[in-house]
């Protein structure tokens, strides 16, 4: 089942590049509205499109799907539903 695409805007608070020639980048994101994840992994061609222009403080529009998965806490033998955001598009706003 395909997840619905979600669109949000906000500000990049922190960027963590995994090495100079890495294919991955992690960002912390402050969304303009509540209810969105605040950490995203950007990799592959999406990363290549923005890597030179994205800086901390950039305003961006993110499009992502929320892939649901279950997290198990082995210590308490409980489970919790969680989402893993998968970015489908990113645009740096003026």
N, C-alpha and C. Protein backbone atom coordinates (compact mmCIF):
# COMPACT_ATOMS: atom_id res chain seq x y z
N UNK A 1 0.84 -1.19 0.00
CA UNK A 1 0.00 0.00 0.00
C UNK A 1 0.88 1.24 0.00
N UNK A 2 0.63 2.16 -0.92
CA UNK A 2 1.40 3.38 -1.05
C UNK A 2 0.95 4.40 -0.02
N UNK A 3 1.90 5.01 0.68
CA UNK A 3 1.59 6.05 1.65
C UNK A 3 1.25 7.35 0.93
N UNK A 4 0.40 8.15 1.55
CA UNK A 4 0.04 9.45 1.00
C UNK A 4 1.21 10.41 1.12
N UNK A 5 1.43 11.22 0.08
CA UNK A 5 2.50 12.21 0.13
C UNK A 5 2.07 13.38 1.00
N UNK A 6 2.97 13.83 1.86
CA UNK A 6 2.73 14.93 2.79
C UNK A 6 3.65 16.07 2.38
N UNK A 7 3.13 17.30 2.41
CA UNK A 7 3.92 18.47 2.05
C UNK A 7 4.00 19.39 3.27
N UNK A 8 5.20 19.87 3.59
CA UNK A 8 5.37 20.80 4.68
C UNK A 8 6.50 21.77 4.35
N UNK A 9 6.47 22.93 4.98
CA UNK A 9 7.55 23.90 4.84
C UNK A 9 8.13 24.18 6.21
N UNK A 10 9.36 24.68 6.22
CA UNK A 10 10.00 25.01 7.48
C UNK A 10 11.44 25.42 7.27
N UNK A 11 12.20 25.38 8.36
CA UNK A 11 13.58 25.87 8.39
C UNK A 11 14.54 24.74 8.76
N UNK A 12 15.65 24.68 8.03
CA UNK A 12 16.70 23.71 8.35
C UNK A 12 17.47 24.24 9.56
N UNK A 13 17.50 23.46 10.65
CA UNK A 13 18.19 23.90 11.86
C UNK A 13 19.63 23.40 11.91
N UNK A 14 19.86 22.19 11.41
CA UNK A 14 21.20 21.59 11.50
C UNK A 14 21.39 20.63 10.33
N UNK A 15 22.58 20.62 9.77
CA UNK A 15 22.91 19.70 8.68
C UNK A 15 24.11 18.87 9.11
N UNK A 16 23.99 17.58 8.93
CA UNK A 16 25.09 16.67 9.22
C UNK A 16 25.42 15.93 7.93
N UNK A 17 26.57 16.26 7.36
CA UNK A 17 27.02 15.57 6.15
C UNK A 17 27.91 14.42 6.57
N UNK A 18 27.63 13.26 6.05
CA UNK A 18 28.37 12.06 6.44
C UNK A 18 29.62 11.91 5.57
N UNK A 19 30.60 12.81 5.77
CA UNK A 19 31.83 12.79 4.99
C UNK A 19 31.70 13.64 3.74
N UNK A 20 32.82 14.12 3.23
CA UNK A 20 32.82 15.01 2.07
C UNK A 20 32.25 14.38 0.82
N UNK A 21 32.55 13.11 0.60
CA UNK A 21 32.10 12.47 -0.62
C UNK A 21 30.99 11.45 -0.37
N UNK A 22 30.34 11.59 0.77
CA UNK A 22 29.26 10.66 1.12
C UNK A 22 28.02 10.92 0.27
N UNK A 23 27.25 9.90 0.10
CA UNK A 23 25.99 10.00 -0.63
C UNK A 23 24.83 10.39 0.29
N UNK A 24 25.11 10.62 1.59
CA UNK A 24 24.03 10.87 2.54
C UNK A 24 24.21 12.19 3.26
N UNK A 25 23.08 12.75 3.70
CA UNK A 25 23.05 13.95 4.50
C UNK A 25 21.85 13.83 5.43
N UNK A 26 22.01 14.24 6.67
CA UNK A 26 20.91 14.27 7.63
C UNK A 26 20.62 15.72 7.97
N UNK A 27 19.33 16.05 8.11
CA UNK A 27 18.97 17.41 8.51
C UNK A 27 17.99 17.36 9.68
N UNK A 28 18.12 18.34 10.57
CA UNK A 28 17.09 18.61 11.57
C UNK A 28 16.27 19.75 11.01
N UNK A 29 14.95 19.63 11.12
CA UNK A 29 14.02 20.49 10.43
C UNK A 29 12.97 21.00 11.40
N UNK A 30 12.76 22.30 11.43
CA UNK A 30 11.70 22.91 12.23
C UNK A 30 10.55 23.24 11.29
N UNK A 31 9.50 22.44 11.34
CA UNK A 31 8.34 22.64 10.45
C UNK A 31 7.52 23.84 10.90
N UNK A 32 6.88 24.49 9.94
CA UNK A 32 6.02 25.64 10.26
C UNK A 32 4.76 25.22 11.01
N UNK A 33 4.35 23.96 10.86
CA UNK A 33 3.18 23.45 11.56
C UNK A 33 3.57 22.21 12.35
N UNK A 34 2.83 21.94 13.40
CA UNK A 34 3.11 20.78 14.26
C UNK A 34 2.73 19.48 13.55
N UNK A 35 3.29 18.39 14.05
CA UNK A 35 2.89 17.07 13.60
C UNK A 35 3.77 16.45 12.53
N UNK A 36 4.91 17.08 12.24
CA UNK A 36 5.81 16.54 11.23
C UNK A 36 7.10 16.06 11.90
N UNK A 37 7.76 15.06 11.32
CA UNK A 37 9.05 14.64 11.86
C UNK A 37 10.04 15.80 11.82
N UNK A 38 11.08 15.72 12.65
CA UNK A 38 12.07 16.79 12.65
C UNK A 38 13.45 16.33 12.17
N UNK A 39 13.59 15.08 11.80
CA UNK A 39 14.87 14.58 11.28
C UNK A 39 14.61 13.84 9.97
N UNK A 40 15.42 14.16 8.97
CA UNK A 40 15.26 13.56 7.66
C UNK A 40 16.62 13.16 7.11
N UNK A 41 16.66 12.05 6.40
CA UNK A 41 17.84 11.63 5.66
C UNK A 41 17.62 11.99 4.20
N UNK A 42 18.62 12.63 3.61
CA UNK A 42 18.56 12.99 2.19
C UNK A 42 19.71 12.27 1.51
N UNK A 43 19.39 11.48 0.49
CA UNK A 43 20.43 10.69 -0.17
C UNK A 43 20.18 10.66 -1.68
N UNK A 44 21.17 10.15 -2.39
CA UNK A 44 21.05 9.92 -3.83
C UNK A 44 20.86 11.19 -4.63
N UNK A 45 20.01 11.13 -5.63
CA UNK A 45 19.83 12.26 -6.55
C UNK A 45 19.20 13.47 -5.86
N UNK A 46 18.35 13.24 -4.84
CA UNK A 46 17.79 14.38 -4.10
C UNK A 46 18.90 15.16 -3.40
N UNK A 47 19.84 14.46 -2.80
CA UNK A 47 20.97 15.10 -2.15
C UNK A 47 21.82 15.85 -3.17
N UNK A 48 22.08 15.21 -4.31
CA UNK A 48 22.92 15.83 -5.33
C UNK A 48 22.33 17.15 -5.83
N UNK A 49 20.99 17.24 -5.89
CA UNK A 49 20.33 18.45 -6.38
C UNK A 49 20.50 19.64 -5.46
N UNK A 50 20.66 19.42 -4.15
CA UNK A 50 20.64 20.53 -3.19
C UNK A 50 21.92 20.68 -2.37
N UNK A 51 22.84 19.74 -2.47
CA UNK A 51 23.98 19.70 -1.56
C UNK A 51 24.79 20.99 -1.55
N UNK A 52 24.94 21.65 -2.67
CA UNK A 52 25.75 22.87 -2.73
C UNK A 52 25.00 24.11 -2.25
N UNK A 53 23.68 24.07 -2.23
CA UNK A 53 22.89 25.26 -1.90
C UNK A 53 22.22 25.23 -0.53
N UNK A 54 22.06 24.06 0.06
CA UNK A 54 21.37 23.95 1.34
C UNK A 54 22.31 24.32 2.48
N UNK A 55 21.88 25.27 3.31
CA UNK A 55 22.64 25.69 4.48
C UNK A 55 21.72 25.75 5.68
N UNK A 56 22.31 25.75 6.87
CA UNK A 56 21.50 25.91 8.08
C UNK A 56 20.80 27.26 8.01
N UNK A 57 19.52 27.28 8.30
CA UNK A 57 18.71 28.48 8.20
C UNK A 57 17.92 28.56 6.91
N UNK A 58 18.21 27.67 5.94
CA UNK A 58 17.46 27.66 4.68
C UNK A 58 16.00 27.35 4.94
N UNK A 59 15.13 28.02 4.20
CA UNK A 59 13.70 27.70 4.20
C UNK A 59 13.49 26.69 3.09
N UNK A 60 12.80 25.59 3.40
CA UNK A 60 12.60 24.54 2.41
C UNK A 60 11.16 24.05 2.41
N UNK A 61 10.79 23.43 1.28
CA UNK A 61 9.55 22.69 1.18
C UNK A 61 9.93 21.23 1.04
N UNK A 62 9.38 20.39 1.90
CA UNK A 62 9.62 18.95 1.85
C UNK A 62 8.35 18.23 1.45
N UNK A 63 8.51 17.26 0.58
CA UNK A 63 7.44 16.32 0.25
C UNK A 63 7.95 14.96 0.69
N UNK A 64 7.13 14.25 1.49
CA UNK A 64 7.57 12.95 2.00
C UNK A 64 6.39 12.02 2.19
N UNK A 65 6.70 10.75 2.25
CA UNK A 65 5.70 9.76 2.63
C UNK A 65 6.06 9.29 4.03
N UNK A 66 5.06 8.94 4.79
CA UNK A 66 5.26 8.47 6.16
C UNK A 66 5.11 6.95 6.16
N UNK A 67 6.22 6.25 6.13
CA UNK A 67 6.20 4.80 6.14
C UNK A 67 6.07 4.33 7.59
N UNK A 68 4.96 3.69 7.89
CA UNK A 68 4.68 3.24 9.25
C UNK A 68 5.43 1.95 9.57
N UNK A 69 5.95 1.89 10.80
CA UNK A 69 6.58 0.67 11.27
C UNK A 69 6.40 0.58 12.78
N UNK A 70 6.61 -0.60 13.30
CA UNK A 70 6.44 -0.86 14.72
C UNK A 70 7.80 -0.93 15.40
N UNK A 71 7.94 -0.21 16.51
CA UNK A 71 9.17 -0.21 17.29
C UNK A 71 8.95 -1.06 18.54
N UNK A 72 9.84 -1.99 18.79
CA UNK A 72 9.71 -2.89 19.94
C UNK A 72 10.75 -2.51 20.99
N UNK A 73 10.29 -2.29 22.23
CA UNK A 73 11.17 -2.05 23.36
C UNK A 73 11.36 -3.37 24.07
N UNK A 74 12.52 -3.97 23.89
CA UNK A 74 12.78 -5.29 24.46
C UNK A 74 12.81 -5.27 25.98
N UNK A 75 13.22 -4.15 26.56
CA UNK A 75 13.29 -4.05 28.02
C UNK A 75 11.93 -4.12 28.69
N UNK A 76 10.93 -3.48 28.08
CA UNK A 76 9.60 -3.47 28.69
C UNK A 76 8.61 -4.36 27.96
N UNK A 77 9.05 -4.98 26.88
CA UNK A 77 8.20 -5.88 26.08
C UNK A 77 6.96 -5.15 25.55
N UNK A 78 7.14 -3.87 25.20
CA UNK A 78 6.03 -3.10 24.64
C UNK A 78 6.37 -2.72 23.19
N UNK A 79 5.33 -2.35 22.47
CA UNK A 79 5.53 -1.89 21.10
C UNK A 79 4.91 -0.51 20.94
N UNK A 80 5.41 0.21 19.95
CA UNK A 80 4.91 1.55 19.68
C UNK A 80 4.92 1.76 18.17
N UNK A 81 3.84 2.32 17.65
CA UNK A 81 3.80 2.67 16.23
C UNK A 81 4.63 3.92 16.01
N UNK A 82 5.36 3.93 14.93
CA UNK A 82 6.21 5.06 14.59
C UNK A 82 6.19 5.23 13.08
N UNK A 83 6.73 6.36 12.61
CA UNK A 83 6.84 6.55 11.17
C UNK A 83 8.29 6.82 10.80
N UNK A 84 8.63 6.43 9.60
CA UNK A 84 9.94 6.71 9.03
C UNK A 84 9.68 7.54 7.79
N UNK A 85 10.05 8.84 7.82
CA UNK A 85 9.76 9.68 6.66
C UNK A 85 10.69 9.35 5.50
N UNK A 86 10.14 9.26 4.31
CA UNK A 86 10.91 9.03 3.08
C UNK A 86 10.68 10.24 2.17
N UNK A 87 11.71 11.06 2.00
CA UNK A 87 11.58 12.28 1.19
C UNK A 87 11.39 11.90 -0.27
N UNK A 88 10.40 12.53 -0.89
CA UNK A 88 10.16 12.33 -2.32
C UNK A 88 10.59 13.55 -3.14
N UNK A 89 10.62 14.73 -2.50
CA UNK A 89 11.07 15.96 -3.17
C UNK A 89 11.46 16.99 -2.12
N UNK A 90 12.42 17.82 -2.47
CA UNK A 90 12.84 18.91 -1.60
C UNK A 90 13.13 20.12 -2.46
N UNK A 91 12.67 21.29 -1.99
CA UNK A 91 12.88 22.53 -2.75
C UNK A 91 13.32 23.62 -1.77
N UNK A 92 14.39 24.31 -2.12
CA UNK A 92 14.85 25.44 -1.32
C UNK A 92 14.01 26.64 -1.71
N UNK A 93 13.42 27.29 -0.71
CA UNK A 93 12.55 28.43 -0.94
C UNK A 93 13.34 29.74 -0.88
N UNK A 94 12.84 30.76 -1.57
CA UNK A 94 13.54 32.07 -1.53
C UNK A 94 13.43 32.71 -0.16
